[in-house]
Structures are given as structure tokens and as C-alpha cells.
Amino acid sequence: MPADRTAFEILIREHSEMLMAYLRSLVDDEEIVEEAFQQAVIDTWRSLDQFDRSRPFGPWLRGIARHRMLVLLRSRGRLRRRLAEFERVVAARFALLEQRSGDTFAERLAALRECLAALPDGQRDAIDLVYARERDTRAAATALGLDWETVRKRVQRARGALAECLRARGILPEPTA
């Protein structure tokens, strides 16, 4: 270990309690204090070649820590303002959604049930077995007394018809090309 690094570690150990107390006197947020302490130690190590060895180490270290604390507090303030703005935008968008019909779960479920009821019996039965009763298309085919390919096609057509019905009601968006 280089002599400078060893000396630095000793200096930091000797001043760490004082530095933590100083940082705690500036803010009452332990997370910020810890972050400022760690960053101040890193900043101090990086600028160690600028330290005037004829002067005391403690005040120089506190100056670096105070600067780091100010930078952290400014960045946290900007972050809080950005988060507040984001929350306002999200709240406004949710308010718009609440004004549109078909956006609640109950409304969407009612629309889906109406679209299901409009399907031809064969398609509705296939959808019921595959989705509501969670059977695969082969088991659904057996239950309906049909071949697998017929049931697969009915499910495919029913899904298409449901999508069109839900699009017509404004529940599903139009497909993008």
C-alpha cells in the first residue's frame, strides 16, 4: 500500500467522527449524510495533491464535505421538483382517462360480455372452453365432438370478431400498420 494511501486512511479514520457530526449538523437526513460523507472522502482522495500540508487537514476536509453536501442538496431539490411535475402530469392524464367511458374494469368487462354474447354459438362455445375453462384446443375439440382444426379456426375467428367488436366500442385501439 503506498505511503500516501496509508496516511490518507489514517487521516480519514481520525476525522471521520468529526466529519459525520459536522454533516449531521447541516441536515437531518441520515441517507444524505452518509452519501455526502462517502462522496467527500472520494473527492478528498482525488484532490489530495492540492492539499497544503502546512495547514490542518480537518478544515480542508470539512470544506470539501460542505461543498459535496450542497451539490447533493441541489440535485435532490431538482429531483423533487421533477418528481412533483411528473406527479402533476400523471394525475392530469389519469383525470382525463376517468372522463372517458370504457376505461373502468367494470365497463370493459361489460363490453367484453356483450361482444361474447354477439358471437355465433359455435365460436362462443369454443372461446368458453379454451379461455374460461382453460382447456387446450384438442380437449375443447373432444368436448365439442369436433376435429381439432375446426375448433382452432373457431377460436381464431372468435378472437378476431371480439377484437373488432371491442375496437368499435372504443375499448381496444386500432391496430398499427
C-alpha atoms as a PDB file:
ATOM      1  CA  MET A   1       0.000   0.000   0.000  1.00  0.00           C
ATOM      2  CA  PRO A   2       1.547   3.372  -0.951  1.00  0.00           C
ATOM      3  CA  ALA A   3       2.541   5.665   1.903  1.00  0.00           C
ATOM      4  CA  ASP A   4       0.087   8.377   0.743  1.00  0.00           C
ATOM      5  CA  ARG A   5      -2.805   5.951   0.820  1.00  0.00           C
ATOM      6  CA  THR A   6      -1.899   4.705   4.288  1.00  0.00           C
ATOM      7  CA  ALA A   7      -1.555   8.265   5.572  1.00  0.00           C
ATOM      8  CA  PHE A   8      -4.869   9.178   3.941  1.00  0.00           C
ATOM      9  CA  GLU A   9      -6.659   6.249   5.595  1.00  0.00           C
ATOM     10  CA  ILE A  10      -5.264   7.256   8.980  1.00  0.00           C
ATOM     11  CA  LEU A  11      -6.367  10.876   8.466  1.00  0.00           C
ATOM     12  CA  ILE A  12      -9.863   9.820   7.440  1.00  0.00           C
ATOM     13  CA  ARG A  13     -10.207   7.471  10.425  1.00  0.00           C
ATOM     14  CA  GLU A  14      -9.062  10.248  12.766  1.00  0.00           C
ATOM     15  CA  HIS A  15     -11.510  12.765  11.273  1.00  0.00           C
ATOM     16  CA  SER A  16     -14.492  10.545  10.413  1.00  0.00           C
ATOM     17  CA  GLU A  17     -16.445  11.106  13.652  1.00  0.00           C
ATOM     18  CA  MET A  18     -15.923  14.868  13.426  1.00  0.00           C
ATOM     19  CA  LEU A  19     -16.933  14.850   9.764  1.00  0.00           C
ATOM     20  CA  MET A  20     -20.113  12.820  10.397  1.00  0.00           C
ATOM     21  CA  ALA A  21     -21.064  15.153  13.273  1.00  0.00           C
ATOM     22  CA  TYR A  22     -20.449  18.172  11.042  1.00  0.00           C
ATOM     23  CA  LEU A  23     -22.584  16.742   8.224  1.00  0.00           C
ATOM     24  CA  ARG A  24     -25.359  15.811  10.658  1.00  0.00           C
ATOM     25  CA  SER A  25     -25.351  19.410  11.890  1.00  0.00           C
ATOM     26  CA  LEU A  26     -26.101  20.521   8.325  1.00  0.00           C
ATOM     27  CA  VAL A  27     -29.042  18.206   7.567  1.00  0.00           C
ATOM     28  CA  ASP A  28     -31.330  15.857   9.433  1.00  0.00           C
ATOM     29  CA  ASP A  29     -31.340  13.098   6.811  1.00  0.00           C
ATOM     30  CA  GLU A  30     -29.049  10.163   7.543  1.00  0.00           C
ATOM     31  CA  GLU A  31     -29.137   8.945   3.945  1.00  0.00           C
ATOM     32  CA  ILE A  32     -27.849  12.293   2.656  1.00  0.00           C
ATOM     33  CA  VAL A  33     -25.271  12.452   5.462  1.00  0.00           C
ATOM     34  CA  GLU A  34     -23.927   9.002   4.538  1.00  0.00           C
ATOM     35  CA  GLU A  35     -23.832   9.843   0.839  1.00  0.00           C
ATOM     36  CA  ALA A  36     -22.138  13.195   1.467  1.00  0.00           C
ATOM     37  CA  PHE A  37     -19.567  11.526   3.734  1.00  0.00           C
ATOM     38  CA  GLN A  38     -18.691   8.883   1.157  1.00  0.00           C
ATOM     39  CA  GLN A  39     -18.506  11.383  -1.679  1.00  0.00           C
ATOM     40  CA  ALA A  40     -16.419  13.793   0.437  1.00  0.00           C
ATOM     41  CA  VAL A  41     -13.891  11.039   1.158  1.00  0.00           C
ATOM     42  CA  ILE A  42     -13.694  10.186  -2.548  1.00  0.00           C
ATOM     43  CA  ASP A  43     -13.399  13.868  -3.512  1.00  0.00           C
ATOM     44  CA  THR A  44     -10.708  14.367  -0.870  1.00  0.00           C
ATOM     45  CA  TRP A  45      -8.702  11.393  -2.144  1.00  0.00           C
ATOM     46  CA  ARG A  46      -8.953  12.666  -5.716  1.00  0.00           C
ATOM     47  CA  SER A  47      -7.786  16.157  -4.773  1.00  0.00           C
ATOM     48  CA  LEU A  48      -5.200  15.129  -2.207  1.00  0.00           C
ATOM     49  CA  ASP A  49      -2.412  16.566  -4.363  1.00  0.00           C
ATOM     50  CA  GLN A  50      -3.984  20.039  -3.847  1.00  0.00           C
ATOM     51  CA  PHE A  51      -3.862  19.815  -0.049  1.00  0.00           C
ATOM     52  CA  ASP A  52      -1.434  22.252   1.600  1.00  0.00           C
ATOM     53  CA  ARG A  53       0.338  20.043   4.129  1.00  0.00           C
ATOM     54  CA  SER A  54       1.307  23.071   6.194  1.00  0.00           C
ATOM     55  CA  ARG A  55      -2.352  23.611   7.089  1.00  0.00           C
ATOM     56  CA  PRO A  56      -4.729  21.466   9.202  1.00  0.00           C
ATOM     57  CA  PHE A  57      -6.477  18.604   7.426  1.00  0.00           C
ATOM     58  CA  GLY A  58      -9.830  18.833   9.289  1.00  0.00           C
ATOM     59  CA  PRO A  59     -10.990  22.238   7.998  1.00  0.00           C
ATOM     60  CA  TRP A  60      -9.984  21.311   4.453  1.00  0.00           C
ATOM     61  CA  LEU A  61     -11.938  18.036   4.705  1.00  0.00           C
ATOM     62  CA  ARG A  62     -14.993  19.884   6.120  1.00  0.00           C
ATOM     63  CA  GLY A  63     -14.840  22.366   3.250  1.00  0.00           C
ATOM     64  CA  ILE A  64     -14.901  19.541   0.718  1.00  0.00           C
ATOM     65  CA  ALA A  65     -17.735  17.837   2.633  1.00  0.00           C
ATOM     66  CA  ARG A  66     -19.740  21.097   2.793  1.00  0.00           C
ATOM     67  CA  HIS A  67     -19.373  21.537  -0.963  1.00  0.00           C
ATOM     68  CA  ARG A  68     -20.432  17.909  -1.580  1.00  0.00           C
ATOM     69  CA  MET A  69     -23.449  18.398   0.730  1.00  0.00           C
ATOM     70  CA  LEU A  70     -24.540  21.494  -1.210  1.00  0.00           C
ATOM     71  CA  VAL A  71     -24.244  19.633  -4.515  1.00  0.00           C
ATOM     72  CA  LEU A  72     -26.314  16.734  -3.139  1.00  0.00           C
ATOM     73  CA  LEU A  73     -28.993  19.017  -1.725  1.00  0.00           C
ATOM     74  CA  ARG A  74     -29.265  20.933  -5.004  1.00  0.00           C
ATOM     75  CA  SER A  75     -29.572  17.727  -7.012  1.00  0.00           C
ATOM     76  CA  ARG A  76     -32.162  16.327  -4.599  1.00  0.00           C
ATOM     77  CA  GLY A  77     -34.111  19.588  -4.839  1.00  0.00           C
ATOM     78  CA  ARG A  78     -34.135  19.338  -8.634  1.00  0.00           C
ATOM     79  CA  LEU A  79     -35.169  15.703  -8.374  1.00  0.00           C
ATOM     80  CA  ARG A  80     -38.029  16.592  -6.006  1.00  0.00           C
ATOM     81  CA  ARG A  81     -39.215  19.310  -8.409  1.00  0.00           C
ATOM     82  CA  ARG A  82     -39.035  16.893 -11.353  1.00  0.00           C
ATOM     83  CA  LEU A  83     -40.945  14.248  -9.397  1.00  0.00           C
ATOM     84  CA  ALA A  84     -43.584  16.791  -8.383  1.00  0.00           C
ATOM     85  CA  GLU A  85     -44.004  17.849 -12.026  1.00  0.00           C
ATOM     86  CA  PHE A  86     -44.195  14.203 -13.117  1.00  0.00           C
ATOM     87  CA  GLU A  87     -46.860  13.529 -10.472  1.00  0.00           C
ATOM     88  CA  ARG A  88     -48.890  16.526 -11.723  1.00  0.00           C
ATOM     89  CA  VAL A  89     -48.691  15.288 -15.313  1.00  0.00           C
ATOM     90  CA  VAL A  90     -49.671  11.736 -14.346  1.00  0.00           C
ATOM     91  CA  ALA A  91     -52.569  12.980 -12.204  1.00  0.00           C
ATOM     92  CA  ALA A  92     -53.820  15.128 -15.095  1.00  0.00           C
ATOM     93  CA  ARG A  93     -53.627  12.186 -17.504  1.00  0.00           C
ATOM     94  CA  PHE A  94     -55.464   9.908 -15.081  1.00  0.00           C
ATOM     95  CA  ALA A  95     -58.146  12.576 -14.710  1.00  0.00           C
ATOM     96  CA  LEU A  96     -58.572  12.553 -18.495  1.00  0.00           C
ATOM     97  CA  LEU A  97     -58.843   8.768 -18.513  1.00  0.00           C
ATOM     98  CA  GLU A  98     -61.512   8.833 -15.842  1.00  0.00           C
ATOM     99  CA  GLN A  99     -63.588  11.144 -18.023  1.00  0.00           C
ATOM    100  CA  ARG A 100     -63.656   8.703 -20.945  1.00  0.00           C
ATOM    101  CA  SER A 101     -66.183   5.903 -20.991  1.00  0.00           C
ATOM    102  CA  GLY A 102     -64.975   2.333 -21.190  1.00  0.00           C
ATOM    103  CA  ASP A 103     -61.913   2.916 -19.063  1.00  0.00           C
ATOM    104  CA  THR A 104     -63.006   1.205 -15.889  1.00  0.00           C
ATOM    105  CA  PHE A 105     -62.607  -2.523 -15.465  1.00  0.00           C
ATOM    106  CA  ALA A 106     -66.357  -2.954 -14.990  1.00  0.00           C
ATOM    107  CA  GLU A 107     -67.091  -1.092 -18.242  1.00  0.00           C
ATOM    108  CA  ARG A 108     -64.526  -3.118 -20.164  1.00  0.00           C
ATOM    109  CA  LEU A 109     -65.857  -6.368 -18.735  1.00  0.00           C
ATOM    110  CA  ALA A 110     -69.439  -5.423 -19.639  1.00  0.00           C
ATOM    111  CA  ALA A 111     -68.340  -4.608 -23.206  1.00  0.00           C
ATOM    112  CA  LEU A 112     -66.497  -7.929 -23.470  1.00  0.00           C
ATOM    113  CA  ARG A 113     -69.561  -9.832 -22.244  1.00  0.00           C
ATOM    114  CA  GLU A 114     -71.752  -8.057 -24.794  1.00  0.00           C
ATOM    115  CA  CYS A 115     -69.290  -8.857 -27.576  1.00  0.00           C
ATOM    116  CA  LEU A 116     -69.144 -12.512 -26.434  1.00  0.00           C
ATOM    117  CA  ALA A 117     -72.936 -12.709 -26.497  1.00  0.00           C
ATOM    118  CA  ALA A 118     -72.929 -11.451 -30.094  1.00  0.00           C
ATOM    119  CA  LEU A 119     -70.690 -14.307 -31.286  1.00  0.00           C
ATOM    120  CA  PRO A 120     -72.233 -17.265 -33.148  1.00  0.00           C
ATOM    121  CA  ASP A 121     -72.896 -20.226 -30.811  1.00  0.00           C
ATOM    122  CA  GLY A 122     -70.037 -22.366 -32.161  1.00  0.00           C
ATOM    123  CA  GLN A 123     -67.459 -19.628 -31.679  1.00  0.00           C
ATOM    124  CA  ARG A 124     -68.792 -18.692 -28.246  1.00  0.00           C
ATOM    125  CA  ASP A 125     -68.633 -22.360 -27.112  1.00  0.00           C
ATOM    126  CA  ALA A 126     -65.053 -22.695 -28.379  1.00  0.00           C
ATOM    127  CA  ILE A 127     -63.979 -19.491 -26.600  1.00  0.00           C
ATOM    128  CA  ASP A 128     -65.709 -20.624 -23.406  1.00  0.00           C
ATOM    129  CA  LEU A 129     -63.889 -23.961 -23.357  1.00  0.00           C
ATOM    130  CA  VAL A 130     -60.457 -22.587 -24.295  1.00  0.00           C
ATOM    131  CA  TYR A 131     -60.396 -19.388 -22.227  1.00  0.00           C
ATOM    132  CA  ALA A 132     -62.986 -19.650 -19.459  1.00  0.00           C
ATOM    133  CA  ARG A 133     -62.479 -23.354 -18.743  1.00  0.00           C
ATOM    134  CA  GLU A 134     -58.774 -23.264 -19.669  1.00  0.00           C
ATOM    135  CA  ARG A 135     -58.724 -26.258 -21.964  1.00  0.00           C
ATOM    136  CA  ASP A 136     -56.388 -26.598 -24.896  1.00  0.00           C
ATOM    137  CA  THR A 137     -57.935 -26.733 -28.351  1.00  0.00           C
ATOM    138  CA  ARG A 138     -57.581 -30.527 -28.571  1.00  0.00           C
ATOM    139  CA  ALA A 139     -59.509 -31.026 -25.303  1.00  0.00           C
ATOM    140  CA  ALA A 140     -62.088 -28.457 -26.434  1.00  0.00           C
ATOM    141  CA  ALA A 141     -62.467 -30.319 -29.751  1.00  0.00           C
ATOM    142  CA  THR A 142     -63.093 -33.575 -27.904  1.00  0.00           C
ATOM    143  CA  ALA A 143     -65.670 -31.896 -25.618  1.00  0.00           C
ATOM    144  CA  LEU A 144     -67.465 -30.350 -28.602  1.00  0.00           C
ATOM    145  CA  GLY A 145     -67.282 -33.518 -30.701  1.00  0.00           C
ATOM    146  CA  LEU A 146     -65.387 -31.692 -33.461  1.00  0.00           C
ATOM    147  CA  ASP A 147     -61.969 -32.090 -35.006  1.00  0.00           C
ATOM    148  CA  TRP A 148     -59.104 -30.023 -33.665  1.00  0.00           C
ATOM    149  CA  GLU A 149     -58.665 -27.866 -36.776  1.00  0.00           C
ATOM    150  CA  THR A 150     -62.336 -26.783 -36.697  1.00  0.00           C
ATOM    151  CA  VAL A 151     -62.076 -25.686 -33.057  1.00  0.00           C
ATOM    152  CA  ARG A 152     -58.778 -23.913 -33.705  1.00  0.00           C
ATOM    153  CA  LYS A 153     -60.377 -21.956 -36.588  1.00  0.00           C
ATOM    154  CA  ARG A 154     -63.460 -21.091 -34.485  1.00  0.00           C
ATOM    155  CA  VAL A 155     -61.255 -19.727 -31.713  1.00  0.00           C
ATOM    156  CA  GLN A 156     -59.231 -17.748 -34.244  1.00  0.00           C
ATOM    157  CA  ARG A 157     -62.362 -16.265 -35.861  1.00  0.00           C
ATOM    158  CA  ALA A 158     -63.940 -15.550 -32.478  1.00  0.00           C
ATOM    159  CA  ARG A 159     -60.842 -13.680 -31.285  1.00  0.00           C
ATOM    160  CA  GLY A 160     -60.907 -11.582 -34.448  1.00  0.00           C
ATOM    161  CA  ALA A 161     -64.616 -10.846 -34.035  1.00  0.00           C
ATOM    162  CA  LEU A 162     -64.112  -9.927 -30.358  1.00  0.00           C
ATOM    163  CA  ALA A 163     -61.257  -7.591 -31.226  1.00  0.00           C
ATOM    164  CA  GLU A 164     -63.363  -5.850 -33.881  1.00  0.00           C
ATOM    165  CA  CYS A 165     -66.311  -5.543 -31.518  1.00  0.00           C
ATOM    166  CA  LEU A 166     -64.111  -4.095 -28.754  1.00  0.00           C
ATOM    167  CA  ARG A 167     -62.463  -1.670 -31.208  1.00  0.00           C
ATOM    168  CA  ALA A 168     -65.904  -0.493 -32.348  1.00  0.00           C
ATOM    169  CA  ARG A 169     -66.757   0.250 -28.708  1.00  0.00           C
ATOM    170  CA  GLY A 170     -63.501   2.170 -28.200  1.00  0.00           C
ATOM    171  CA  ILE A 171     -62.098  -0.379 -25.764  1.00  0.00           C
ATOM    172  CA  LEU A 172     -59.223  -1.586 -27.961  1.00  0.00           C
ATOM    173  CA  PRO A 173     -57.094   0.779 -30.038  1.00  0.00           C
ATOM    174  CA  GLU A 174     -56.947   0.451 -33.787  1.00  0.00           C
ATOM    175  CA  PRO A 175     -54.087  -1.794 -34.915  1.00  0.00           C
ATOM    176  CA  THR A 176     -50.963  -0.008 -36.133  1.00  0.00           C
ATOM    177  CA  ALA A 177     -49.671  -0.861 -39.570  1.00  0.00           C
END
